[in-house]
Amino acid sequence: MITIDCKELTTDEELALASSVSDSLQGAAVALIQSGGIVLDDYTPGGLKVGDVQRLVEDFFAAKDGGYEVEAEGSRILVHSPHPDAGLKRGQPTLPPNLLKCPFCPFVTPYQEMYVVHTRAHLFGV
């Protein structure tokens, strides 16, 4: 089984890459997204070659602005982004701009006064 490590990519880049690889393989395999990476479910009797999949990944990123690096380690293909921090942020949920979240507990409110009173209660131990 061949895996593509996409931890440095955004969710959109990972989805686009999986779609492109699946389309390029034309039914020989399907690219499935699985926790920070793409796994290729192979349907060919002889199996896929890592070098062939690596070329498909390199071709996908060649069409982009550049700066992406692709390398193979055994049956794993690693993708390095020019902006690796973008991939780290994908698992962090974000709140709408009208909500305030307490930095000490899960409390959330749209009201500034209630937020201030709540956070002060944490600081004074009330």
Protein backbone atom coordinates (compact mmCIF):
# COMPACT_ATOMS: atom_id res chain seq x y z
CA MET A 1 0.00 0.00 0.00
CA ILE A 2 1.32 3.43 -0.96
CA THR A 3 0.71 6.42 1.30
CA ILE A 4 1.22 10.12 0.61
CA ASP A 5 2.12 12.16 3.69
CA CYS A 6 0.26 15.50 3.45
CA LYS A 7 0.68 16.89 6.98
CA GLU A 8 2.14 20.15 5.67
CA LEU A 9 -0.70 20.75 3.19
CA THR A 10 -3.99 22.51 3.75
CA THR A 11 -7.19 20.49 3.58
CA ASP A 12 -8.03 21.99 0.19
CA GLU A 13 -4.61 21.05 -1.22
CA GLU A 14 -4.93 17.52 0.17
CA LEU A 15 -8.38 17.04 -1.37
CA ALA A 16 -7.24 18.42 -4.73
CA LEU A 17 -4.17 16.14 -4.71
CA ALA A 18 -6.26 13.05 -3.86
CA SER A 19 -8.71 13.87 -6.64
CA SER A 20 -5.93 14.48 -9.17
CA VAL A 21 -4.11 11.23 -8.30
CA SER A 22 -7.35 9.21 -8.50
CA ASP A 23 -8.22 10.75 -11.87
CA SER A 24 -4.72 10.17 -13.24
CA LEU A 25 -4.73 6.49 -12.24
CA GLN A 26 -7.95 5.96 -14.25
CA GLY A 27 -9.42 3.24 -12.05
CA ALA A 28 -6.18 1.38 -11.30
CA ALA A 29 -6.40 2.70 -7.72
CA VAL A 30 -8.43 5.10 -5.61
CA ALA A 31 -6.87 7.77 -3.40
CA LEU A 32 -8.52 7.88 0.02
CA ILE A 33 -7.92 10.57 2.64
CA GLN A 34 -6.90 9.26 6.04
CA SER A 35 -5.64 11.41 8.97
CA GLY A 36 -3.03 13.72 7.47
CA GLY A 37 -2.36 11.66 4.41
CA ILE A 38 -3.64 9.89 1.35
CA VAL A 39 -3.76 6.11 1.05
CA LEU A 40 -3.96 4.45 -2.36
CA ASP A 41 -6.32 1.48 -2.54
CA ASP A 42 -4.77 -0.52 -5.38
CA TYR A 43 -6.89 -2.62 -7.78
CA THR A 44 -4.14 -3.76 -10.16
CA PRO A 45 -2.81 -7.33 -9.96
CA GLY A 46 0.86 -6.27 -10.20
CA GLY A 47 0.46 -3.32 -7.84
CA LEU A 48 1.38 0.29 -8.28
CA LYS A 49 4.96 1.48 -8.39
CA VAL A 50 5.95 4.19 -5.91
CA GLY A 51 7.91 5.99 -8.64
CA ASP A 52 4.82 6.24 -10.85
CA VAL A 53 2.72 7.72 -8.05
CA GLN A 54 5.56 10.07 -7.10
CA ARG A 55 5.62 11.41 -10.69
CA LEU A 56 1.85 12.02 -10.53
CA VAL A 57 2.28 13.99 -7.29
CA GLU A 58 5.21 15.96 -8.76
CA ASP A 59 3.14 16.76 -11.88
CA PHE A 60 0.28 18.01 -9.70
CA PHE A 61 2.55 20.42 -7.83
CA ALA A 62 4.44 21.46 -10.98
CA ALA A 63 1.23 23.16 -12.14
CA LYS A 64 1.16 25.21 -8.91
CA ASP A 65 3.37 28.20 -8.10
CA GLY A 66 6.22 25.99 -6.94
CA GLY A 67 8.19 25.51 -3.79
CA TYR A 68 6.72 22.07 -3.09
CA GLU A 69 9.14 19.17 -2.66
CA VAL A 70 8.22 15.52 -3.14
CA GLU A 71 10.36 12.62 -1.95
CA ALA A 72 9.84 8.89 -1.52
CA GLU A 73 10.80 6.75 1.48
CA GLY A 74 9.92 3.14 0.82
CA SER A 75 6.18 2.95 0.14
CA ARG A 76 5.63 6.45 1.56
CA ILE A 77 5.69 9.66 -0.45
CA LEU A 78 6.41 12.83 1.54
CA VAL A 79 5.15 16.20 0.36
CA HIS A 80 6.87 19.30 1.76
CA SER A 81 5.01 22.59 1.41
CA PRO A 82 6.62 26.03 1.08
CA HIS A 83 4.15 27.03 3.85
CA PRO A 84 4.20 24.09 6.32
CA ASP A 85 2.37 26.07 9.02
CA ALA A 86 -0.82 26.03 6.92
CA GLY A 87 -1.16 22.28 7.39
CA LEU A 88 -0.69 22.51 11.14
CA LYS A 89 -3.66 24.86 11.49
CA ARG A 90 -6.13 22.60 9.71
CA GLY A 91 -7.09 20.62 12.80
CA GLN A 92 -7.79 23.67 14.92
CA PRO A 93 -11.42 24.73 15.01
CA THR A 94 -12.14 28.42 14.62
CA LEU A 95 -15.03 30.43 16.00
CA PRO A 96 -17.05 32.97 14.07
CA PRO A 97 -15.73 36.53 14.55
CA ASN A 98 -18.72 37.57 16.71
CA LEU A 99 -17.91 35.03 19.49
CA LEU A 100 -15.40 35.34 22.32
CA LYS A 101 -13.87 32.24 23.96
CA CYS A 102 -12.43 32.09 27.44
CA PRO A 103 -8.71 31.18 27.35
CA PHE A 104 -9.08 29.16 30.58
CA CYS A 105 -12.19 27.04 29.93
CA PRO A 106 -14.72 26.21 27.15
CA PHE A 107 -16.94 29.22 27.92
CA VAL A 108 -18.10 31.09 24.76
CA THR A 109 -20.20 34.26 24.53
CA PRO A 110 -21.04 36.96 22.00
CA TYR A 111 -21.14 39.61 24.79
CA GLN A 112 -17.99 41.59 25.63
CA GLU A 113 -19.11 42.47 29.18
CA MET A 114 -19.96 38.89 30.06
CA TYR A 115 -16.60 37.77 28.66
CA VAL A 116 -14.69 40.31 30.79
CA VAL A 117 -16.57 39.36 33.98
CA HIS A 118 -16.05 35.66 33.28
CA THR A 119 -12.29 35.90 32.65
CA ARG A 120 -11.82 38.14 35.72
CA ALA A 121 -13.53 35.46 37.81
CA HIS A 122 -10.82 33.03 36.70
CA LEU A 123 -8.05 35.48 37.58
CA PHE A 124 -9.37 36.32 41.05
CA GLY A 125 -10.38 32.77 41.93
CA VAL A 126 -13.97 33.70 42.63
